[in-house]
Amino acid sequence: MEMKHSIGNQIIDVVKVTFYSLPSFINSLAPFILLISGIFLNSNLRNNNEIIIIKQYFSKKEINFTYITIFIFIISIFIANNEFIAKKSYQNYKIKEIELRNNLKIGSPIRNEFHIDGIASIFFKEKKSNSFINVDAIILSDNHFIKSESAKIEQSKKNINIIFYNGERLTLNKIEKSKTKFDKYIHSFNNKNLEEISFDKEHFNTFELLNHNDTEFINHGHNKIIQYFLVIIFTIISVRVLFDYKFRSKINIFYLKIFILLLLSQILNSYLIYLINSKIVLNLNLYYAVMLIFGSSILYYTIRDIR
């Protein structure tokens, strides 16, 4: 129930964390987004006979120029997102994710109570910003009983600091039995359950991955290169599909075949990377050869049937 309440209170933080992760998701979904967008736009152009008008009033040179312009624009956006935007956004995502995970592990105020499991319990009258007002606290680990005007909690790596202001502390343990007044009292403790940021593959761009010491990171860099190849192929297909005016009795089946081929290319790519990372008999040269042949075959199959 406490975890559920925590998530409810931090739903805005959850949305922010999700937003930061979107650029990284777009990279892997880009070919699918491009193809589906091309198909839907083509359908709208067909219904309004706009493709026929374009073919009649624009020369082949002008249409090819439009193809190239759209192609360069899409590839430029993908490269910028893949190498710069997604990397920066993912770094922010990991920071916010760790902060959110740690906050959930520490706990959250429920009915004017705040509990850090097995370490401390804080009872307060109200909460303003990041401060608790009129605080009664029990530090379970040291048998401290504290009453203060206000308190706040700070995190530093794996340390948690509870800072009390203007109050009294009663200590009852084997080492000390005392009652003291203070203007400011800081109680620090280490929480081994807190998580720290660890760098993974999405923290690096393609060049950094290829020059990394970890073999899996290097393989992921080569995977990114193949993803560029697949994006280029399906950008060409998507742009051609956008202006496709060839009559087909079963056009939806034709587009479904293209989509299935795209899906198969991604499945094959993922499987080959898995084999390489698992050190099963498959080297990078064979990986590139298989993906280049498969991708080129898809391009030939689809483009030959589109005017």
C-alpha atoms as a PDB file:
ATOM      1  CA  MET A   1       0.000   0.000   0.000  1.00  0.00           C
ATOM      2  CA  GLU A   2       2.873   2.346   0.806  1.00  0.00           C
ATOM      3  CA  MET A   3       4.510   1.670  -2.561  1.00  0.00           C
ATOM      4  CA  LYS A   4       1.195   2.254  -4.339  1.00  0.00           C
ATOM      5  CA  HIS A   5       0.735   5.550  -2.493  1.00  0.00           C
ATOM      6  CA  SER A   6       4.302   6.573  -3.374  1.00  0.00           C
ATOM      7  CA  ILE A   7       3.734   6.023  -7.069  1.00  0.00           C
ATOM      8  CA  GLY A   8       0.465   7.933  -6.871  1.00  0.00           C
ATOM      9  CA  ASN A   9       2.193  10.901  -5.255  1.00  0.00           C
ATOM     10  CA  GLN A  10       5.039  10.835  -7.784  1.00  0.00           C
ATOM     11  CA  ILE A  11       3.054  10.285 -10.979  1.00  0.00           C
ATOM     12  CA  ILE A  12       4.401  13.556 -12.427  1.00  0.00           C
ATOM     13  CA  ASP A  13       7.960  12.335 -11.829  1.00  0.00           C
ATOM     14  CA  VAL A  14       7.099   9.024 -13.523  1.00  0.00           C
ATOM     15  CA  VAL A  15       5.790  10.923 -16.579  1.00  0.00           C
ATOM     16  CA  LYS A  16       8.953  13.051 -16.693  1.00  0.00           C
ATOM     17  CA  VAL A  17      11.176   9.970 -16.498  1.00  0.00           C
ATOM     18  CA  THR A  18       9.208   8.337 -19.329  1.00  0.00           C
ATOM     19  CA  PHE A  19       9.522  11.488 -21.444  1.00  0.00           C
ATOM     20  CA  TYR A  20      13.329  11.444 -21.135  1.00  0.00           C
ATOM     21  CA  SER A  21      13.436   7.848 -22.411  1.00  0.00           C
ATOM     22  CA  LEU A  22      11.390   8.510 -25.580  1.00  0.00           C
ATOM     23  CA  PRO A  23      14.283   9.554 -27.900  1.00  0.00           C
ATOM     24  CA  SER A  24      15.985   6.194 -27.284  1.00  0.00           C
ATOM     25  CA  PHE A  25      12.798   4.292 -28.122  1.00  0.00           C
ATOM     26  CA  ILE A  26      12.361   6.296 -31.329  1.00  0.00           C
ATOM     27  CA  ASN A  27      15.693   4.989 -32.652  1.00  0.00           C
ATOM     28  CA  SER A  28      14.534   1.367 -32.718  1.00  0.00           C
ATOM     29  CA  LEU A  29      11.009   2.234 -33.862  1.00  0.00           C
ATOM     30  CA  ALA A  30      12.092   4.664 -36.615  1.00  0.00           C
ATOM     31  CA  PRO A  31      11.833   2.180 -39.544  1.00  0.00           C
ATOM     32  CA  PHE A  32       8.329   1.115 -38.470  1.00  0.00           C
ATOM     33  CA  ILE A  33       7.206   4.733 -37.958  1.00  0.00           C
ATOM     34  CA  LEU A  34       8.538   5.743 -41.374  1.00  0.00           C
ATOM     35  CA  LEU A  35       6.889   2.849 -43.208  1.00  0.00           C
ATOM     36  CA  ILE A  36       3.501   3.224 -41.515  1.00  0.00           C
ATOM     37  CA  SER A  37       3.571   7.005 -42.071  1.00  0.00           C
ATOM     38  CA  GLY A  38       4.370   6.517 -45.751  1.00  0.00           C
ATOM     39  CA  ILE A  39       1.507   4.035 -46.172  1.00  0.00           C
ATOM     40  CA  PHE A  40      -1.065   6.276 -44.453  1.00  0.00           C
ATOM     41  CA  LEU A  41       0.007   9.383 -46.361  1.00  0.00           C
ATOM     42  CA  ASN A  42      -0.099   7.442 -49.618  1.00  0.00           C
ATOM     43  CA  SER A  43      -3.626   6.293 -48.800  1.00  0.00           C
ATOM     44  CA  ASN A  44      -4.760   9.903 -48.254  1.00  0.00           C
ATOM     45  CA  LEU A  45      -3.089  11.083 -51.458  1.00  0.00           C
ATOM     46  CA  ARG A  46      -4.701   8.253 -53.427  1.00  0.00           C
ATOM     47  CA  ASN A  47      -8.179   9.010 -52.075  1.00  0.00           C
ATOM     48  CA  ASN A  48      -7.887  12.659 -53.172  1.00  0.00           C
ATOM     49  CA  ASN A  49      -6.214  11.801 -56.509  1.00  0.00           C
ATOM     50  CA  GLU A  50      -3.336  14.070 -55.488  1.00  0.00           C
ATOM     51  CA  ILE A  51      -0.679  11.592 -56.654  1.00  0.00           C
ATOM     52  CA  ILE A  52      -2.034  11.738 -60.229  1.00  0.00           C
ATOM     53  CA  ILE A  53      -1.982  15.547 -60.077  1.00  0.00           C
ATOM     54  CA  ILE A  54       1.626  15.492 -58.819  1.00  0.00           C
ATOM     55  CA  LYS A  55       2.675  13.149 -61.637  1.00  0.00           C
ATOM     56  CA  GLN A  56       0.990  15.402 -64.243  1.00  0.00           C
ATOM     57  CA  TYR A  57       2.233  18.791 -63.099  1.00  0.00           C
ATOM     58  CA  PHE A  58       5.726  17.943 -61.817  1.00  0.00           C
ATOM     59  CA  SER A  59       8.592  16.713 -63.948  1.00  0.00           C
ATOM     60  CA  LYS A  60      10.514  13.552 -63.116  1.00  0.00           C
ATOM     61  CA  LYS A  61      13.486  15.723 -62.128  1.00  0.00           C
ATOM     62  CA  GLU A  62      11.363  17.716 -59.658  1.00  0.00           C
ATOM     63  CA  ILE A  63       9.859  14.554 -58.159  1.00  0.00           C
ATOM     64  CA  ASN A  64      13.320  13.007 -57.748  1.00  0.00           C
ATOM     65  CA  PHE A  65      14.492  16.214 -56.076  1.00  0.00           C
ATOM     66  CA  THR A  66      11.566  15.890 -53.652  1.00  0.00           C
ATOM     67  CA  TYR A  67      12.561  12.254 -52.954  1.00  0.00           C
ATOM     68  CA  ILE A  68      16.145  13.260 -52.183  1.00  0.00           C
ATOM     69  CA  THR A  69      15.134  16.245 -50.030  1.00  0.00           C
ATOM     70  CA  ILE A  70      12.765  14.174 -47.878  1.00  0.00           C
ATOM     71  CA  PHE A  71      15.344  11.375 -47.649  1.00  0.00           C
ATOM     72  CA  ILE A  72      18.162  13.698 -46.504  1.00  0.00           C
ATOM     73  CA  PHE A  73      15.858  15.413 -43.990  1.00  0.00           C
ATOM     74  CA  ILE A  74      14.728  12.117 -42.405  1.00  0.00           C
ATOM     75  CA  ILE A  75      18.250  10.658 -42.216  1.00  0.00           C
ATOM     76  CA  SER A  76      19.626  13.899 -40.729  1.00  0.00           C
ATOM     77  CA  ILE A  77      16.959  13.899 -38.029  1.00  0.00           C
ATOM     78  CA  PHE A  78      17.662  10.234 -37.246  1.00  0.00           C
ATOM     79  CA  ILE A  79      21.430  10.777 -36.987  1.00  0.00           C
ATOM     80  CA  ALA A  80      21.002  13.853 -34.770  1.00  0.00           C
ATOM     81  CA  ASN A  81      18.605  11.973 -32.501  1.00  0.00           C
ATOM     82  CA  ASN A  82      20.668   8.771 -32.415  1.00  0.00           C
ATOM     83  CA  GLU A  83      24.066  10.351 -31.776  1.00  0.00           C
ATOM     84  CA  PHE A  84      23.252  13.449 -29.710  1.00  0.00           C
ATOM     85  CA  ILE A  85      19.654  13.946 -28.538  1.00  0.00           C
ATOM     86  CA  ALA A  86      18.999  10.354 -27.421  1.00  0.00           C
ATOM     87  CA  LYS A  87      22.379  10.127 -25.654  1.00  0.00           C
ATOM     88  CA  LYS A  88      21.817  13.331 -23.646  1.00  0.00           C
ATOM     89  CA  SER A  89      18.182  12.499 -22.946  1.00  0.00           C
ATOM     90  CA  TYR A  90      19.073   8.972 -21.799  1.00  0.00           C
ATOM     91  CA  GLN A  91      21.644  10.356 -19.348  1.00  0.00           C
ATOM     92  CA  ASN A  92      18.923  12.541 -17.817  1.00  0.00           C
ATOM     93  CA  TYR A  93      16.545   9.570 -17.864  1.00  0.00           C
ATOM     94  CA  LYS A  94      18.937   7.371 -15.849  1.00  0.00           C
ATOM     95  CA  ILE A  95      19.541  10.129 -13.294  1.00  0.00           C
ATOM     96  CA  LYS A  96      15.808  10.713 -12.810  1.00  0.00           C
ATOM     97  CA  GLU A  97      15.085   6.977 -12.789  1.00  0.00           C
ATOM     98  CA  ILE A  98      17.620   6.318 -10.015  1.00  0.00           C
ATOM     99  CA  GLU A  99      16.279   9.267  -8.014  1.00  0.00           C
ATOM    100  CA  LEU A 100      12.739   7.934  -8.383  1.00  0.00           C
ATOM    101  CA  ARG A 101      13.744   4.353  -7.465  1.00  0.00           C
ATOM    102  CA  ASN A 102      15.624   5.562  -4.394  1.00  0.00           C
ATOM    103  CA  ASN A 103      12.741   7.779  -3.288  1.00  0.00           C
ATOM    104  CA  LEU A 104      10.383   4.821  -3.533  1.00  0.00           C
ATOM    105  CA  LYS A 105      12.789   2.674  -1.493  1.00  0.00           C
ATOM    106  CA  ILE A 106      13.162   5.367   1.163  1.00  0.00           C
ATOM    107  CA  GLY A 107       9.413   5.847   1.405  1.00  0.00           C
ATOM    108  CA  SER A 108       6.977   8.744   1.176  1.00  0.00           C
ATOM    109  CA  PRO A 109       4.755  10.688   3.574  1.00  0.00           C
ATOM    110  CA  ILE A 110       1.535   8.893   4.442  1.00  0.00           C
ATOM    111  CA  ARG A 111      -0.954  10.517   6.836  1.00  0.00           C
ATOM    112  CA  ASN A 112       1.763  12.831   8.183  1.00  0.00           C
ATOM    113  CA  GLU A 113       4.123   9.926   8.755  1.00  0.00           C
ATOM    114  CA  PHE A 114       7.390   9.121   7.021  1.00  0.00           C
ATOM    115  CA  HIS A 115       9.105   5.771   7.509  1.00  0.00           C
ATOM    116  CA  ILE A 116      12.532   4.653   6.322  1.00  0.00           C
ATOM    117  CA  ASP A 117      12.300   0.902   6.673  1.00  0.00           C
ATOM    118  CA  GLY A 118      14.134  -0.337   9.785  1.00  0.00           C
ATOM    119  CA  ILE A 119      16.017   2.939  10.226  1.00  0.00           C
ATOM    120  CA  ALA A 120      13.781   5.852  11.214  1.00  0.00           C
ATOM    121  CA  SER A 121      10.197   6.997  11.661  1.00  0.00           C
ATOM    122  CA  ILE A 122       9.203  10.641  11.349  1.00  0.00           C
ATOM    123  CA  PHE A 123       5.884  12.096  12.456  1.00  0.00           C
ATOM    124  CA  PHE A 124       5.010  15.674  11.490  1.00  0.00           C
ATOM    125  CA  LYS A 125       2.173  18.189  11.479  1.00  0.00           C
ATOM    126  CA  GLU A 126       2.540  19.380   7.867  1.00  0.00           C
ATOM    127  CA  LYS A 127       4.898  19.312   4.913  1.00  0.00           C
ATOM    128  CA  LYS A 128       6.055  22.444   3.095  1.00  0.00           C
ATOM    129  CA  SER A 129       8.160  21.978  -0.022  1.00  0.00           C
ATOM    130  CA  ASN A 130      10.936  19.603   1.073  1.00  0.00           C
ATOM    131  CA  SER A 131      10.631  20.311   4.806  1.00  0.00           C
ATOM    132  CA  PHE A 132       8.591  18.634   7.538  1.00  0.00           C
ATOM    133  CA  ILE A 133       7.102  20.960  10.184  1.00  0.00           C
ATOM    134  CA  ASN A 134       6.678  20.176  13.924  1.00  0.00           C
ATOM    135  CA  VAL A 135       8.563  16.897  13.847  1.00  0.00           C
ATOM    136  CA  ASP A 136       8.689  13.966  16.261  1.00  0.00           C
ATOM    137  CA  ALA A 137      11.231  11.380  15.130  1.00  0.00           C
ATOM    138  CA  ILE A 138      12.509   7.995  16.255  1.00  0.00           C
ATOM    139  CA  ILE A 139      15.945   6.922  15.023  1.00  0.00           C
ATOM    140  CA  LEU A 140      15.616   3.173  15.466  1.00  0.00           C
ATOM    141  CA  SER A 141      19.260   2.303  14.852  1.00  0.00           C
ATOM    142  CA  ASP A 142      20.604   4.512  17.710  1.00  0.00           C
ATOM    143  CA  ASN A 143      17.556   4.830  19.992  1.00  0.00           C
ATOM    144  CA  HIS A 144      17.312   8.583  19.435  1.00  0.00           C
ATOM    145  CA  PHE A 145      14.038  10.357  20.178  1.00  0.00           C
ATOM    146  CA  ILE A 146      13.961  13.778  18.550  1.00  0.00           C
ATOM    147  CA  LYS A 147      11.523  16.688  18.657  1.00  0.00           C
ATOM    148  CA  SER A 148      12.225  19.644  16.367  1.00  0.00           C
ATOM    149  CA  GLU A 149      10.565  22.594  14.657  1.00  0.00           C
ATOM    150  CA  SER A 150      11.423  21.262  11.191  1.00  0.00           C
ATOM    151  CA  ALA A 151      13.415  18.630   9.343  1.00  0.00           C
ATOM    152  CA  LYS A 152      14.372  17.644   5.830  1.00  0.00           C
ATOM    153  CA  ILE A 153      15.942  14.672   4.097  1.00  0.00           C
ATOM    154  CA  GLU A 154      18.914  14.801   1.725  1.00  0.00           C
ATOM    155  CA  GLN A 155      20.527  12.050  -0.345  1.00  0.00           C
ATOM    156  CA  SER A 156      24.166  11.871  -1.333  1.00  0.00           C
ATOM    157  CA  LYS A 157      25.157   8.771  -3.312  1.00  0.00           C
ATOM    158  CA  LYS A 158      24.381   5.961  -0.844  1.00  0.00           C
ATOM    159  CA  ASN A 159      24.166   8.170   2.216  1.00  0.00           C
ATOM    160  CA  ILE A 160      20.936   9.565   3.597  1.00  0.00           C
ATOM    161  CA  ASN A 161      21.007  12.652   5.844  1.00  0.00           C
ATOM    162  CA  ILE A 162      18.113  13.678   8.067  1.00  0.00           C
ATOM    163  CA  ILE A 163      18.619  17.308   9.128  1.00  0.00           C
ATOM    164  CA  PHE A 164      16.710  18.548  12.164  1.00  0.00           C
ATOM    165  CA  TYR A 165      16.380  22.233  13.114  1.00  0.00           C
ATOM    166  CA  ASN A 166      15.734  23.782  16.559  1.00  0.00           C
ATOM    167  CA  GLY A 167      14.835  20.912  18.820  1.00  0.00           C
ATOM    168  CA  GLU A 168      15.733  18.406  21.515  1.00  0.00           C
ATOM    169  CA  ARG A 169      17.285  14.955  21.313  1.00  0.00           C
ATOM    170  CA  LEU A 170      16.822  12.181  23.855  1.00  0.00           C
ATOM    171  CA  THR A 171      19.327   9.316  23.588  1.00  0.00           C
ATOM    172  CA  LEU A 172      18.785   6.001  25.358  1.00  0.00           C
ATOM    173  CA  ASN A 173      21.250   3.276  24.351  1.00  0.00           C
ATOM    174  CA  LYS A 174      24.093   1.247  25.880  1.00  0.00           C
ATOM    175  CA  ILE A 175      26.694   3.902  25.098  1.00  0.00           C
ATOM    176  CA  GLU A 176      24.827   7.095  25.963  1.00  0.00           C
ATOM    177  CA  LYS A 177      21.875   8.301  28.003  1.00  0.00           C
ATOM    178  CA  SER A 178      21.391  12.026  27.545  1.00  0.00           C
ATOM    179  CA  LYS A 179      19.063  14.872  26.639  1.00  0.00           C
ATOM    180  CA  THR A 180      20.404  17.756  24.562  1.00  0.00           C
ATOM    181  CA  LYS A 181      19.077  20.837  22.790  1.00  0.00           C
ATOM    182  CA  PHE A 182      20.306  21.811  19.335  1.00  0.00           C
ATOM    183  CA  ASP A 183      19.923  24.425  16.627  1.00  0.00           C
ATOM    184  CA  LYS A 184      20.856  21.944  13.923  1.00  0.00           C
ATOM    185  CA  TYR A 185      21.397  18.216  14.161  1.00  0.00           C
ATOM    186  CA  ILE A 186      22.335  15.941  11.247  1.00  0.00           C
ATOM    187  CA  HIS A 187      21.854  12.214  11.466  1.00  0.00           C
ATOM    188  CA  SER A 188      23.572  10.298   8.630  1.00  0.00           C
ATOM    189  CA  PHE A 189      23.303   6.657   7.767  1.00  0.00           C
ATOM    190  CA  ASN A 190      24.174   4.393   4.887  1.00  0.00           C
ATOM    191  CA  ASN A 191      21.456   2.607   2.963  1.00  0.00           C
ATOM    192  CA  LYS A 192      22.863  -0.268   0.924  1.00  0.00           C
ATOM    193  CA  ASN A 193      19.537  -0.672  -0.881  1.00  0.00           C
ATOM    194  CA  LEU A 194      19.961   2.619  -2.700  1.00  0.00           C
ATOM    195  CA  GLU A 195      20.984   2.370  -6.346  1.00  0.00           C
ATOM    196  CA  GLU A 196      23.743   4.200  -8.138  1.00  0.00           C
ATOM    197  CA  ILE A 197      23.992   5.104 -11.806  1.00  0.00           C
ATOM    198  CA  SER A 198      25.795   2.526 -13.916  1.00  0.00           C
ATOM    199  CA  PHE A 199      26.723   3.338 -17.489  1.00  0.00           C
ATOM    200  CA  ASP A 200      25.156   1.114 -20.117  1.00  0.00           C
ATOM    201  CA  LYS A 201      25.169   1.020 -23.913  1.00  0.00           C
ATOM    202  CA  GLU A 202      22.695   3.873 -24.411  1.00  0.00           C
ATOM    203  CA  HIS A 203      25.024   6.314 -22.647  1.00  0.00           C
ATOM    204  CA  PHE A 204      27.395   6.255 -25.633  1.00  0.00           C
ATOM    205  CA  ASN A 205      27.208   7.259 -29.289  1.00  0.00           C
ATOM    206  CA  THR A 206      28.329   4.967 -32.117  1.00  0.00           C
ATOM    207  CA  PHE A 207      31.952   6.151 -32.203  1.00  0.00           C
ATOM    208  CA  GLU A 208      32.323   5.785 -28.418  1.00  0.00           C
ATOM    209  CA  LEU A 209      30.816   2.288 -28.523  1.00  0.00           C
ATOM    210  CA  LEU A 210      33.210   1.121 -31.244  1.00  0.00           C
ATOM    211  CA  ASN A 211      36.166   2.328 -29.135  1.00  0.00           C
ATOM    212  CA  HIS A 212      34.905   0.869 -25.860  1.00  0.00           C
ATOM    213  CA  ASN A 213      36.801  -1.810 -23.902  1.00  0.00           C
ATOM    214  CA  ASP A 214      33.753  -4.047 -23.409  1.00  0.00           C
ATOM    215  CA  THR A 215      33.076  -6.452 -26.300  1.00  0.00           C
ATOM    216  CA  GLU A 216      29.293  -6.202 -25.896  1.00  0.00           C
ATOM    217  CA  PHE A 217      29.494  -2.412 -26.180  1.00  0.00           C
ATOM    218  CA  ILE A 218      31.594  -2.754 -29.352  1.00  0.00           C
ATOM    219  CA  ASN A 219      29.048  -5.191 -30.798  1.00  0.00           C
ATOM    220  CA  HIS A 220      26.277  -2.732 -29.970  1.00  0.00           C
ATOM    221  CA  GLY A 221      28.204  -0.092 -31.919  1.00  0.00           C
ATOM    222  CA  HIS A 222      28.221  -2.374 -34.977  1.00  0.00           C
ATOM    223  CA  ASN A 223      24.528  -3.003 -34.382  1.00  0.00           C
ATOM    224  CA  LYS A 224      23.966   0.763 -34.573  1.00  0.00           C
ATOM    225  CA  ILE A 225      25.743   0.855 -37.933  1.00  0.00           C
ATOM    226  CA  ILE A 226      23.432  -1.874 -39.254  1.00  0.00           C
ATOM    227  CA  GLN A 227      20.470   0.069 -37.852  1.00  0.00           C
ATOM    228  CA  TYR A 228      21.609   3.040 -39.946  1.00  0.00           C
ATOM    229  CA  PHE A 229      21.669   0.739 -42.975  1.00  0.00           C
ATOM    230  CA  LEU A 230      18.143  -0.516 -42.261  1.00  0.00           C
ATOM    231  CA  VAL A 231      16.836   3.000 -41.662  1.00  0.00           C
ATOM    232  CA  ILE A 232      18.308   4.138 -44.991  1.00  0.00           C
ATOM    233  CA  ILE A 233      16.660   1.185 -46.786  1.00  0.00           C
ATOM    234  CA  PHE A 234      13.256   1.712 -45.212  1.00  0.00           C
ATOM    235  CA  THR A 235      13.451   5.472 -45.649  1.00  0.00           C
ATOM    236  CA  ILE A 236      13.928   4.884 -49.391  1.00  0.00           C
ATOM    237  CA  ILE A 237      11.036   2.412 -49.394  1.00  0.00           C
ATOM    238  CA  SER A 238       8.801   4.712 -47.314  1.00  0.00           C
ATOM    239  CA  VAL A 239       9.413   7.729 -49.568  1.00  0.00           C
ATOM    240  CA  ARG A 240       8.733   5.639 -52.659  1.00  0.00           C
ATOM    241  CA  VAL A 241       5.594   4.194 -51.059  1.00  0.00           C
ATOM    242  CA  LEU A 242       4.451   7.745 -50.282  1.00  0.00           C
ATOM    243  CA  PHE A 243       4.272   8.623 -53.995  1.00  0.00           C
ATOM    244  CA  ASP A 244       3.282   5.152 -55.226  1.00  0.00           C
ATOM    245  CA  TYR A 245       0.366   5.348 -57.685  1.00  0.00           C
ATOM    246  CA  LYS A 246       0.538   1.892 -59.257  1.00  0.00           C
ATOM    247  CA  PHE A 247      -2.872   0.206 -59.208  1.00  0.00           C
ATOM    248  CA  ARG A 248      -3.010  -2.993 -57.169  1.00  0.00           C
ATOM    249  CA  SER A 249      -6.080  -5.045 -56.450  1.00  0.00           C
ATOM    250  CA  LYS A 250      -4.586  -6.178 -53.147  1.00  0.00           C
ATOM    251  CA  ILE A 251      -2.602  -3.137 -52.085  1.00  0.00           C
ATOM    252  CA  ASN A 252      -3.064  -3.816 -48.366  1.00  0.00           C
ATOM    253  CA  ILE A 253      -1.494  -7.264 -48.769  1.00  0.00           C
ATOM    254  CA  PHE A 254       1.427  -5.670 -50.612  1.00  0.00           C
ATOM    255  CA  TYR A 255       2.035  -3.206 -47.786  1.00  0.00           C
ATOM    256  CA  LEU A 256       1.626  -5.980 -45.217  1.00  0.00           C
ATOM    257  CA  LYS A 257       4.393  -7.941 -46.959  1.00  0.00           C
ATOM    258  CA  ILE A 258       6.715  -4.921 -46.720  1.00  0.00           C
ATOM    259  CA  PHE A 259       5.913  -4.540 -43.024  1.00  0.00           C
ATOM    260  CA  ILE A 260       6.583  -8.243 -42.375  1.00  0.00           C
ATOM    261  CA  LEU A 261       9.921  -7.982 -44.183  1.00  0.00           C
ATOM    262  CA  LEU A 262      10.827  -5.024 -41.978  1.00  0.00           C
ATOM    263  CA  LEU A 263       9.871  -6.993 -38.882  1.00  0.00           C
ATOM    264  CA  LEU A 264      11.911  -9.996 -40.049  1.00  0.00           C
ATOM    265  CA  SER A 265      14.958  -7.790 -40.647  1.00  0.00           C
ATOM    266  CA  GLN A 266      14.799  -6.522 -37.065  1.00  0.00           C
ATOM    267  CA  ILE A 267      14.291 -10.024 -35.666  1.00  0.00           C
ATOM    268  CA  LEU A 268      17.220 -11.345 -37.710  1.00  0.00           C
ATOM    269  CA  ASN A 269      19.414  -8.437 -36.608  1.00  0.00           C
ATOM    270  CA  SER A 270      18.589  -9.008 -32.931  1.00  0.00           C
ATOM    271  CA  TYR A 271      19.219 -12.748 -33.234  1.00  0.00           C
ATOM    272  CA  LEU A 272      22.597 -12.272 -34.904  1.00  0.00           C
ATOM    273  CA  ILE A 273      23.692  -9.781 -32.226  1.00  0.00           C
ATOM    274  CA  TYR A 274      22.601 -12.292 -29.601  1.00  0.00           C
ATOM    275  CA  LEU A 275      24.752 -14.984 -31.254  1.00  0.00           C
ATOM    276  CA  ILE A 276      27.762 -12.661 -31.391  1.00  0.00           C
ATOM    277  CA  ASN A 277      27.412 -11.610 -27.747  1.00  0.00           C
ATOM    278  CA  SER A 278      26.983 -15.265 -26.738  1.00  0.00           C
ATOM    279  CA  LYS A 279      30.266 -16.066 -28.541  1.00  0.00           C
ATOM    280  CA  ILE A 280      28.525 -18.637 -30.721  1.00  0.00           C
ATOM    281  CA  VAL A 281      30.258 -19.250 -34.080  1.00  0.00           C
ATOM    282  CA  LEU A 282      29.446 -15.986 -35.872  1.00  0.00           C
ATOM    283  CA  ASN A 283      31.855 -13.122 -36.514  1.00  0.00           C
ATOM    284  CA  LEU A 284      31.212  -9.504 -37.394  1.00  0.00           C
ATOM    285  CA  ASN A 285      32.106  -9.967 -41.057  1.00  0.00           C
ATOM    286  CA  LEU A 286      29.429 -12.647 -41.438  1.00  0.00           C
ATOM    287  CA  TYR A 287      26.989 -10.455 -39.488  1.00  0.00           C
ATOM    288  CA  TYR A 288      27.509  -7.546 -41.886  1.00  0.00           C
ATOM    289  CA  ALA A 289      27.299  -9.842 -44.933  1.00  0.00           C
ATOM    290  CA  VAL A 290      24.006 -11.435 -43.840  1.00  0.00           C
ATOM    291  CA  MET A 291      22.346  -8.112 -42.972  1.00  0.00           C
ATOM    292  CA  LEU A 292      23.573  -6.318 -46.091  1.00  0.00           C
ATOM    293  CA  ILE A 293      22.340  -9.129 -48.373  1.00  0.00           C
ATOM    294  CA  PHE A 294      19.003  -9.431 -46.553  1.00  0.00           C
ATOM    295  CA  GLY A 295      18.429  -5.657 -46.478  1.00  0.00           C
ATOM    296  CA  SER A 296      19.397  -5.205 -50.137  1.00  0.00           C
ATOM    297  CA  SER A 297      17.057  -8.037 -51.121  1.00  0.00           C
ATOM    298  CA  ILE A 298      14.159  -6.316 -49.342  1.00  0.00           C
ATOM    299  CA  LEU A 299      14.977  -3.054 -51.117  1.00  0.00           C
ATOM    300  CA  TYR A 300      15.107  -4.758 -54.529  1.00  0.00           C
ATOM    301  CA  TYR A 301      11.886  -6.705 -53.923  1.00  0.00           C
ATOM    302  CA  THR A 302       9.860  -3.650 -52.954  1.00  0.00           C
ATOM    303  CA  ILE A 303      11.307  -0.949 -55.233  1.00  0.00           C
ATOM    304  CA  ARG A 304      10.955  -3.036 -58.405  1.00  0.00           C
ATOM    305  CA  ASP A 305       7.183  -3.142 -57.824  1.00  0.00           C
ATOM    306  CA  ILE A 306       6.775   0.594 -57.105  1.00  0.00           C
ATOM    307  CA  ARG A 307       6.779   3.203 -59.826  1.00  0.00           C
END
